[in-house]
């Protein structure tokens, strides 16, 4: 558990597919602003992806909620890094609302994506990150090299689900 987080905070958190969440439009707006708009996608495209990405196989977008509020999101995806199309599946789009960071939300979302990947029989799960390698390394992810994404270096990492 994350230091300083009340135990019931995480117990009261619900993680479910985005299509089952009343917070899908708000989370779609977060994802759109963070990543999708940079690729020229309309907000409606982002929402449509979230509605369709219900799993159990990738893609599956998850939303963490507590007390009627969206806390964060993460995705189990088939592909994420254009330079590495041979790798699959991916942990992607981990994003926690600023007011809910450092409270265990990202850790819980990552664990749920890993659980789902394991349940599907995947032997390896991949991610890339420009700046959060220490966070993932502390949770068992192993560095697998450097790649380039949007003209900047990123760390490629993997783990056993």
N, C-alpha and C. Protein backbone atom coordinates (compact mmCIF):
# COMPACT_ATOMS: atom_id res chain seq x y z
N UNK A 1 0.85 -1.18 0.00
CA UNK A 1 0.00 0.00 0.00
C UNK A 1 0.89 1.24 0.00
N UNK A 2 0.41 2.30 -0.58
CA UNK A 2 1.12 3.55 -0.65
C UNK A 2 1.14 4.21 0.73
N UNK A 3 2.30 4.72 1.12
CA UNK A 3 2.43 5.36 2.43
C UNK A 3 1.47 6.53 2.54
N UNK A 4 0.82 6.64 3.68
CA UNK A 4 -0.06 7.76 3.94
C UNK A 4 -1.47 7.62 3.39
N UNK A 5 -1.78 6.50 2.78
CA UNK A 5 -3.12 6.30 2.21
C UNK A 5 -3.94 5.47 3.20
N UNK A 6 -5.12 5.96 3.52
CA UNK A 6 -6.01 5.22 4.41
C UNK A 6 -6.40 3.90 3.75
N UNK A 7 -6.39 2.78 4.49
CA UNK A 7 -6.71 1.49 3.90
C UNK A 7 -8.07 1.45 3.20
N UNK A 8 -9.06 2.16 3.74
CA UNK A 8 -10.39 2.10 3.12
C UNK A 8 -10.44 2.88 1.81
N UNK A 9 -9.47 3.76 1.56
CA UNK A 9 -9.43 4.51 0.30
C UNK A 9 -9.40 3.54 -0.88
N UNK A 10 -8.48 2.57 -0.82
CA UNK A 10 -8.35 1.61 -1.90
C UNK A 10 -9.47 0.58 -1.87
N UNK A 11 -9.95 0.21 -0.70
CA UNK A 11 -11.05 -0.76 -0.62
C UNK A 11 -12.32 -0.20 -1.25
N UNK A 12 -12.52 1.09 -1.15
CA UNK A 12 -13.73 1.72 -1.71
C UNK A 12 -13.59 2.05 -3.19
N UNK A 13 -12.43 1.78 -3.76
CA UNK A 13 -12.20 2.07 -5.17
C UNK A 13 -12.76 0.92 -6.02
N UNK A 14 -13.38 1.29 -7.12
CA UNK A 14 -13.93 0.35 -8.08
C UNK A 14 -13.17 0.53 -9.38
N UNK A 15 -12.71 -0.57 -9.97
CA UNK A 15 -12.07 -0.52 -11.28
C UNK A 15 -12.92 -1.34 -12.22
N UNK A 16 -13.37 -0.69 -13.31
CA UNK A 16 -14.24 -1.39 -14.27
C UNK A 16 -13.98 -0.88 -15.68
N UNK A 17 -14.45 -1.66 -16.68
CA UNK A 17 -14.29 -1.20 -18.07
C UNK A 17 -14.96 0.15 -18.27
N UNK A 18 -14.34 0.98 -19.09
CA UNK A 18 -14.83 2.33 -19.32
C UNK A 18 -16.28 2.35 -19.79
N UNK A 19 -16.66 1.39 -20.63
CA UNK A 19 -18.03 1.37 -21.16
C UNK A 19 -19.07 1.17 -20.07
N UNK A 20 -18.68 0.66 -18.91
CA UNK A 20 -19.60 0.45 -17.79
C UNK A 20 -19.61 1.63 -16.82
N UNK A 21 -18.81 2.63 -17.08
CA UNK A 21 -18.65 3.75 -16.15
C UNK A 21 -19.44 4.98 -16.60
N UNK A 22 -20.11 5.64 -15.67
CA UNK A 22 -20.77 6.90 -16.02
C UNK A 22 -19.75 8.02 -16.27
N UNK A 23 -18.49 7.76 -15.96
CA UNK A 23 -17.44 8.76 -16.11
C UNK A 23 -16.70 8.67 -17.43
N UNK A 24 -17.18 7.82 -18.34
CA UNK A 24 -16.51 7.65 -19.62
C UNK A 24 -16.28 8.98 -20.34
N UNK A 25 -17.26 9.88 -20.47
CA UNK A 25 -17.00 11.14 -21.19
C UNK A 25 -15.89 11.99 -20.55
N UNK A 26 -15.87 12.04 -19.23
CA UNK A 26 -14.84 12.84 -18.55
C UNK A 26 -13.45 12.23 -18.75
N UNK A 27 -13.36 10.91 -18.62
CA UNK A 27 -12.07 10.24 -18.80
C UNK A 27 -11.63 10.32 -20.26
N UNK A 28 -12.57 10.22 -21.19
CA UNK A 28 -12.23 10.39 -22.60
C UNK A 28 -11.63 11.77 -22.83
N UNK A 29 -12.17 12.78 -22.18
CA UNK A 29 -11.62 14.14 -22.31
C UNK A 29 -10.20 14.21 -21.76
N UNK A 30 -9.94 13.53 -20.64
CA UNK A 30 -8.58 13.49 -20.09
C UNK A 30 -7.62 12.89 -21.09
N UNK A 31 -7.99 11.70 -21.61
CA UNK A 31 -7.11 10.99 -22.54
C UNK A 31 -6.92 11.77 -23.84
N UNK A 32 -8.00 12.39 -24.28
CA UNK A 32 -7.91 13.19 -25.50
C UNK A 32 -6.92 14.34 -25.31
N UNK A 33 -7.04 15.06 -24.22
CA UNK A 33 -6.14 16.18 -23.95
C UNK A 33 -4.70 15.73 -23.77
N UNK A 34 -4.51 14.58 -23.12
CA UNK A 34 -3.16 14.09 -22.81
C UNK A 34 -2.44 13.53 -24.04
N UNK A 35 -3.15 12.74 -24.88
CA UNK A 35 -2.48 12.04 -25.98
C UNK A 35 -3.20 12.11 -27.32
N UNK A 36 -4.49 11.85 -27.33
CA UNK A 36 -5.20 11.66 -28.60
C UNK A 36 -5.23 12.91 -29.47
N UNK A 37 -5.38 14.08 -28.90
CA UNK A 37 -5.44 15.31 -29.69
C UNK A 37 -4.14 15.54 -30.45
N UNK A 38 -3.01 15.15 -29.83
CA UNK A 38 -1.71 15.32 -30.49
C UNK A 38 -1.61 14.52 -31.78
N UNK A 39 -2.37 13.44 -31.87
CA UNK A 39 -2.37 12.62 -33.07
C UNK A 39 -3.46 13.02 -34.05
N UNK A 40 -4.14 14.12 -33.76
CA UNK A 40 -5.15 14.64 -34.67
C UNK A 40 -6.52 14.01 -34.55
N UNK A 41 -6.76 13.25 -33.47
CA UNK A 41 -8.06 12.62 -33.27
C UNK A 41 -9.05 13.59 -32.64
N UNK A 42 -10.30 13.48 -33.03
CA UNK A 42 -11.37 14.26 -32.41
C UNK A 42 -11.76 13.61 -31.08
N UNK A 43 -12.31 14.40 -30.18
CA UNK A 43 -12.78 13.88 -28.90
C UNK A 43 -13.79 12.76 -29.12
N UNK A 44 -14.64 12.88 -30.12
CA UNK A 44 -15.64 11.82 -30.40
C UNK A 44 -14.96 10.50 -30.73
N UNK A 45 -13.80 10.52 -31.39
CA UNK A 45 -13.07 9.29 -31.68
C UNK A 45 -12.54 8.65 -30.40
N UNK A 46 -12.05 9.49 -29.50
CA UNK A 46 -11.55 8.99 -28.23
C UNK A 46 -12.68 8.33 -27.45
N UNK A 47 -13.83 8.98 -27.38
CA UNK A 47 -14.99 8.40 -26.68
C UNK A 47 -15.42 7.10 -27.33
N UNK A 48 -15.46 7.06 -28.64
CA UNK A 48 -15.87 5.84 -29.35
C UNK A 48 -14.92 4.69 -29.03
N UNK A 49 -13.63 4.96 -28.98
CA UNK A 49 -12.66 3.92 -28.64
C UNK A 49 -12.93 3.39 -27.23
N UNK A 50 -13.15 4.28 -26.28
CA UNK A 50 -13.42 3.85 -24.91
C UNK A 50 -14.69 3.02 -24.82
N UNK A 51 -15.71 3.39 -25.55
CA UNK A 51 -16.97 2.62 -25.52
C UNK A 51 -16.79 1.22 -26.11
N UNK A 52 -15.91 1.10 -27.10
CA UNK A 52 -15.71 -0.19 -27.77
C UNK A 52 -14.67 -1.07 -27.08
N UNK A 53 -13.77 -0.48 -26.31
CA UNK A 53 -12.65 -1.21 -25.71
C UNK A 53 -13.08 -1.82 -24.38
N UNK A 54 -13.89 -2.86 -24.46
CA UNK A 54 -14.50 -3.44 -23.26
C UNK A 54 -13.84 -4.72 -22.79
N UNK A 55 -12.88 -5.27 -23.58
CA UNK A 55 -12.21 -6.50 -23.18
C UNK A 55 -13.12 -7.70 -23.30
N UNK A 56 -12.81 -8.85 -22.74
CA UNK A 56 -11.68 -9.04 -21.85
C UNK A 56 -10.33 -8.99 -22.56
N UNK A 57 -10.28 -9.36 -23.83
CA UNK A 57 -9.01 -9.25 -24.57
C UNK A 57 -8.76 -7.79 -24.91
N UNK A 58 -7.53 -7.50 -25.23
CA UNK A 58 -7.17 -6.13 -25.59
C UNK A 58 -7.88 -5.73 -26.87
N UNK A 59 -8.28 -4.48 -26.99
CA UNK A 59 -8.11 -3.42 -26.00
C UNK A 59 -9.21 -3.42 -24.93
N UNK A 60 -8.81 -3.06 -23.73
CA UNK A 60 -9.74 -2.92 -22.62
C UNK A 60 -9.31 -1.70 -21.81
N UNK A 61 -10.13 -0.65 -21.86
CA UNK A 61 -9.86 0.57 -21.10
C UNK A 61 -10.56 0.44 -19.75
N UNK A 62 -9.82 0.68 -18.68
CA UNK A 62 -10.36 0.59 -17.33
C UNK A 62 -10.40 1.97 -16.69
N UNK A 63 -11.40 2.18 -15.85
CA UNK A 63 -11.53 3.42 -15.09
C UNK A 63 -11.61 3.06 -13.61
N UNK A 64 -10.81 3.76 -12.81
CA UNK A 64 -10.88 3.63 -11.35
C UNK A 64 -11.77 4.75 -10.84
N UNK A 65 -12.70 4.38 -9.94
CA UNK A 65 -13.66 5.33 -9.39
C UNK A 65 -13.75 5.15 -7.88
N UNK A 66 -14.14 6.22 -7.21
CA UNK A 66 -14.41 6.14 -5.77
C UNK A 66 -15.33 7.29 -5.42
N UNK A 67 -16.32 6.99 -4.62
CA UNK A 67 -17.24 8.02 -4.13
C UNK A 67 -17.82 8.88 -5.26
N UNK A 68 -18.18 8.25 -6.37
CA UNK A 68 -18.80 8.95 -7.47
C UNK A 68 -17.87 9.81 -8.30
N UNK A 69 -16.58 9.61 -8.16
CA UNK A 69 -15.61 10.40 -8.92
C UNK A 69 -14.68 9.49 -9.70
N UNK A 70 -14.30 9.89 -10.93
CA UNK A 70 -13.26 9.14 -11.62
C UNK A 70 -11.91 9.51 -11.03
N UNK A 71 -11.07 8.50 -10.83
CA UNK A 71 -9.76 8.72 -10.24
C UNK A 71 -8.64 8.62 -11.28
N UNK A 72 -8.79 7.64 -12.18
CA UNK A 72 -7.74 7.40 -13.16
C UNK A 72 -8.15 6.34 -14.14
N UNK A 73 -7.23 6.05 -15.06
CA UNK A 73 -7.50 5.10 -16.13
C UNK A 73 -6.23 4.39 -16.56
N UNK A 74 -6.38 3.22 -17.13
CA UNK A 74 -5.28 2.46 -17.73
C UNK A 74 -5.89 1.54 -18.77
N UNK A 75 -5.06 1.14 -19.73
CA UNK A 75 -5.55 0.32 -20.83
C UNK A 75 -4.68 -0.91 -21.03
N UNK A 76 -5.32 -2.04 -21.26
CA UNK A 76 -4.67 -3.24 -21.79
C UNK A 76 -4.89 -3.15 -23.29
N UNK A 77 -3.80 -2.98 -24.05
CA UNK A 77 -3.94 -2.73 -25.48
C UNK A 77 -3.14 -3.75 -26.29
N UNK A 78 -3.54 -3.93 -27.54
CA UNK A 78 -2.84 -4.85 -28.45
C UNK A 78 -1.53 -4.25 -28.92
N UNK A 79 -1.53 -2.96 -29.18
CA UNK A 79 -0.33 -2.29 -29.69
C UNK A 79 -0.29 -0.88 -29.11
N UNK A 80 0.94 -0.38 -28.95
CA UNK A 80 1.05 0.97 -28.40
C UNK A 80 2.24 1.74 -28.95
N UNK A 81 3.31 1.07 -29.25
CA UNK A 81 4.52 1.75 -29.71
C UNK A 81 4.74 1.42 -31.18
N UNK A 82 4.52 2.39 -32.07
CA UNK A 82 4.61 2.10 -33.51
C UNK A 82 5.92 1.46 -33.95
N UNK A 83 7.03 1.77 -33.29
CA UNK A 83 8.31 1.18 -33.68
C UNK A 83 8.47 -0.28 -33.25
N UNK A 84 7.54 -0.79 -32.44
CA UNK A 84 7.64 -2.18 -31.97
C UNK A 84 6.31 -2.93 -32.16
N UNK A 85 5.85 -3.06 -33.41
CA UNK A 85 4.57 -3.72 -33.66
C UNK A 85 4.55 -5.21 -33.32
N UNK A 86 5.72 -5.81 -33.19
CA UNK A 86 5.79 -7.24 -32.88
C UNK A 86 5.51 -7.54 -31.41
N UNK A 87 5.51 -6.53 -30.56
CA UNK A 87 5.29 -6.74 -29.12
C UNK A 87 3.82 -6.56 -28.78
N UNK A 88 3.31 -7.45 -27.93
CA UNK A 88 1.91 -7.38 -27.52
C UNK A 88 1.69 -8.35 -26.36
N UNK A 89 0.79 -8.02 -25.46
CA UNK A 89 -0.02 -6.82 -25.28
C UNK A 89 0.74 -5.76 -24.49
N UNK A 90 0.09 -4.60 -24.35
CA UNK A 90 0.69 -3.43 -23.73
C UNK A 90 -0.16 -2.91 -22.57
N UNK A 91 0.51 -2.43 -21.54
CA UNK A 91 -0.09 -1.54 -20.55
C UNK A 91 0.07 -0.15 -21.15
N UNK A 92 -1.03 0.58 -21.31
CA UNK A 92 -0.97 1.87 -21.98
C UNK A 92 -1.86 2.89 -21.27
N UNK A 93 -1.61 4.13 -21.54
CA UNK A 93 -2.48 5.24 -21.13
C UNK A 93 -2.81 5.26 -19.64
N UNK A 94 -1.81 5.03 -18.82
CA UNK A 94 -2.02 5.14 -17.37
C UNK A 94 -2.05 6.63 -17.03
N UNK A 95 -3.16 7.06 -16.48
CA UNK A 95 -3.34 8.47 -16.17
C UNK A 95 -4.22 8.60 -14.93
N UNK A 96 -3.74 9.32 -13.94
CA UNK A 96 -4.49 9.55 -12.69
C UNK A 96 -4.73 11.05 -12.56
N UNK A 97 -5.94 11.42 -12.20
CA UNK A 97 -6.28 12.83 -11.99
C UNK A 97 -5.33 13.42 -10.94
N UNK A 98 -4.84 14.63 -11.14
CA UNK A 98 -3.87 15.22 -10.21
C UNK A 98 -4.28 15.16 -8.74
N UNK A 99 -5.53 15.37 -8.42
CA UNK A 99 -5.98 15.36 -7.02
C UNK A 99 -5.90 13.98 -6.38
N UNK A 100 -5.74 12.94 -7.19
CA UNK A 100 -5.75 11.57 -6.66
C UNK A 100 -4.42 10.86 -6.82
N UNK A 101 -3.39 11.58 -7.19
CA UNK A 101 -2.06 10.98 -7.36
C UNK A 101 -1.42 10.70 -6.00
N UNK A 102 -0.51 9.73 -6.02
CA UNK A 102 0.25 9.32 -4.83
C UNK A 102 -0.65 8.73 -3.74
N UNK A 103 -1.74 8.10 -4.17
CA UNK A 103 -2.66 7.47 -3.23
C UNK A 103 -2.91 6.00 -3.58
N UNK A 104 -2.12 5.45 -4.50
CA UNK A 104 -2.24 4.04 -4.85
C UNK A 104 -3.13 3.75 -6.05
N UNK A 105 -3.68 4.76 -6.67
CA UNK A 105 -4.59 4.55 -7.80
C UNK A 105 -3.86 3.94 -8.98
N UNK A 106 -2.74 4.52 -9.38
CA UNK A 106 -1.99 3.99 -10.51
C UNK A 106 -1.51 2.57 -10.23
N UNK A 107 -1.06 2.33 -9.02
CA UNK A 107 -0.61 0.98 -8.66
C UNK A 107 -1.75 -0.02 -8.79
N UNK A 108 -2.94 0.35 -8.34
CA UNK A 108 -4.10 -0.54 -8.44
C UNK A 108 -4.50 -0.76 -9.90
N UNK A 109 -4.47 0.27 -10.71
CA UNK A 109 -4.81 0.13 -12.13
C UNK A 109 -3.80 -0.77 -12.85
N UNK A 110 -2.51 -0.56 -12.59
CA UNK A 110 -1.48 -1.38 -13.21
C UNK A 110 -1.66 -2.85 -12.79
N UNK A 111 -1.93 -3.08 -11.52
CA UNK A 111 -2.14 -4.44 -11.04
C UNK A 111 -3.35 -5.09 -11.72
N UNK A 112 -4.40 -4.33 -11.94
CA UNK A 112 -5.59 -4.88 -12.60
C UNK A 112 -5.31 -5.22 -14.07
N UNK A 113 -4.55 -4.38 -14.76
CA UNK A 113 -4.19 -4.70 -16.14
C UNK A 113 -3.32 -5.96 -16.17
N UNK A 114 -2.39 -6.07 -15.24
CA UNK A 114 -1.55 -7.28 -15.16
C UNK A 114 -2.41 -8.51 -14.89
N UNK A 115 -3.37 -8.39 -13.98
CA UNK A 115 -4.25 -9.52 -13.67
C UNK A 115 -5.02 -9.96 -14.91
N UNK A 116 -5.54 -9.00 -15.65
CA UNK A 116 -6.31 -9.32 -16.86
C UNK A 116 -5.43 -9.96 -17.92
N UNK A 117 -4.20 -9.46 -18.08
CA UNK A 117 -3.27 -10.05 -19.05
C UNK A 117 -2.94 -11.49 -18.66
N UNK A 118 -2.73 -11.74 -17.37
CA UNK A 118 -2.45 -13.10 -16.90
C UNK A 118 -3.63 -14.02 -17.14
N UNK A 119 -4.83 -13.53 -16.88
CA UNK A 119 -6.04 -14.34 -17.08
C UNK A 119 -6.22 -14.72 -18.55
N UNK A 120 -5.69 -13.90 -19.44
CA UNK A 120 -5.77 -14.19 -20.88
C UNK A 120 -4.63 -15.07 -21.35
N UNK A 121 -3.71 -15.42 -20.44
CA UNK A 121 -2.62 -16.33 -20.78
C UNK A 121 -1.39 -15.68 -21.38
N UNK A 122 -1.27 -14.38 -21.29
CA UNK A 122 -0.09 -13.70 -21.85
C UNK A 122 1.13 -13.96 -20.96
N UNK A 123 2.26 -14.25 -21.58
CA UNK A 123 3.49 -14.51 -20.85
C UNK A 123 4.26 -13.24 -20.53
N UNK A 124 4.02 -12.17 -21.29
CA UNK A 124 4.76 -10.93 -21.11
C UNK A 124 3.84 -9.76 -21.41
N UNK A 125 4.00 -8.68 -20.68
CA UNK A 125 3.25 -7.45 -20.86
C UNK A 125 4.27 -6.34 -21.05
N UNK A 126 3.99 -5.40 -21.95
CA UNK A 126 4.93 -4.36 -22.32
C UNK A 126 4.39 -2.97 -21.98
N UNK A 127 5.29 -2.02 -21.81
CA UNK A 127 4.93 -0.61 -21.68
C UNK A 127 6.11 0.22 -22.14
N UNK A 128 5.83 1.48 -22.42
CA UNK A 128 6.92 2.44 -22.60
C UNK A 128 6.55 3.69 -21.81
N UNK A 129 7.60 4.36 -21.34
CA UNK A 129 7.38 5.56 -20.54
C UNK A 129 8.51 6.55 -20.76
N UNK A 130 8.17 7.83 -20.92
CA UNK A 130 9.23 8.82 -21.04
C UNK A 130 9.84 9.20 -19.68
N UNK A 131 9.07 9.04 -18.60
CA UNK A 131 9.53 9.59 -17.32
C UNK A 131 9.14 8.83 -16.07
N UNK A 132 8.48 7.69 -16.19
CA UNK A 132 8.01 6.98 -15.00
C UNK A 132 8.66 5.61 -14.81
N UNK A 133 9.85 5.40 -15.38
CA UNK A 133 10.53 4.11 -15.24
C UNK A 133 10.74 3.71 -13.77
N UNK A 134 11.13 4.64 -12.87
CA UNK A 134 11.30 4.23 -11.47
C UNK A 134 10.00 3.71 -10.84
N UNK A 135 8.87 4.34 -11.17
CA UNK A 135 7.57 3.88 -10.66
C UNK A 135 7.33 2.43 -11.08
N UNK A 136 7.52 2.14 -12.36
CA UNK A 136 7.26 0.79 -12.85
C UNK A 136 8.30 -0.21 -12.35
N UNK A 137 9.56 0.19 -12.29
CA UNK A 137 10.60 -0.70 -11.79
C UNK A 137 10.31 -1.13 -10.35
N UNK A 138 9.77 -0.22 -9.54
CA UNK A 138 9.42 -0.54 -8.16
C UNK A 138 8.27 -1.54 -8.07
N UNK A 139 7.58 -1.75 -9.19
CA UNK A 139 6.45 -2.67 -9.24
C UNK A 139 6.76 -3.90 -10.08
N UNK A 140 8.05 -4.17 -10.29
CA UNK A 140 8.48 -5.41 -10.94
C UNK A 140 8.71 -5.35 -12.44
N UNK A 141 8.61 -4.19 -13.05
CA UNK A 141 8.86 -4.07 -14.48
C UNK A 141 10.36 -3.98 -14.73
N UNK A 142 10.81 -4.58 -15.84
CA UNK A 142 12.23 -4.67 -16.17
C UNK A 142 12.52 -3.82 -17.40
N UNK A 143 13.58 -3.00 -17.36
CA UNK A 143 13.96 -2.21 -18.55
C UNK A 143 14.36 -3.13 -19.69
N UNK A 144 13.90 -2.79 -20.89
CA UNK A 144 14.20 -3.60 -22.08
C UNK A 144 14.87 -2.77 -23.17
N UNK A 145 15.27 -1.55 -22.85
CA UNK A 145 15.96 -0.72 -23.82
C UNK A 145 15.29 0.63 -24.01
N UNK A 146 15.86 1.38 -24.92
CA UNK A 146 15.36 2.71 -25.26
C UNK A 146 14.71 2.67 -26.63
N UNK A 147 13.67 3.45 -26.81
CA UNK A 147 12.99 3.61 -28.09
C UNK A 147 12.75 5.11 -28.27
N UNK A 148 12.16 5.46 -29.40
CA UNK A 148 11.79 6.84 -29.67
C UNK A 148 10.30 6.90 -29.92
N UNK A 149 9.65 7.84 -29.28
CA UNK A 149 8.21 8.06 -29.46
C UNK A 149 8.00 9.56 -29.55
N UNK A 150 7.35 9.99 -30.63
CA UNK A 150 7.12 11.42 -30.86
C UNK A 150 8.42 12.23 -30.74
N UNK A 151 9.46 11.69 -31.34
CA UNK A 151 10.77 12.34 -31.40
C UNK A 151 11.44 12.54 -30.05
N UNK A 152 11.07 11.73 -29.07
CA UNK A 152 11.75 11.82 -27.78
C UNK A 152 12.05 10.42 -27.25
N UNK A 153 13.09 10.29 -26.46
CA UNK A 153 13.44 8.96 -25.95
C UNK A 153 12.45 8.47 -24.90
N UNK A 154 12.17 7.18 -24.94
CA UNK A 154 11.31 6.55 -23.95
C UNK A 154 11.97 5.24 -23.52
N UNK A 155 11.62 4.78 -22.33
CA UNK A 155 12.13 3.52 -21.81
C UNK A 155 11.11 2.43 -22.12
N UNK A 156 11.54 1.37 -22.77
CA UNK A 156 10.73 0.19 -23.02
C UNK A 156 10.90 -0.73 -21.82
N UNK A 157 9.78 -1.26 -21.28
CA UNK A 157 9.83 -2.12 -20.11
C UNK A 157 8.87 -3.28 -20.30
N UNK A 158 9.12 -4.37 -19.56
CA UNK A 158 8.21 -5.52 -19.63
C UNK A 158 8.13 -6.16 -18.25
N UNK A 159 7.12 -7.02 -18.12
CA UNK A 159 6.98 -7.81 -16.90
C UNK A 159 6.19 -9.06 -17.22
N UNK A 160 6.24 -10.00 -16.32
CA UNK A 160 5.36 -11.16 -16.38
C UNK A 160 4.06 -10.74 -15.70
N UNK A 161 2.95 -10.98 -16.39
CA UNK A 161 1.69 -10.56 -15.77
C UNK A 161 1.46 -11.27 -14.45
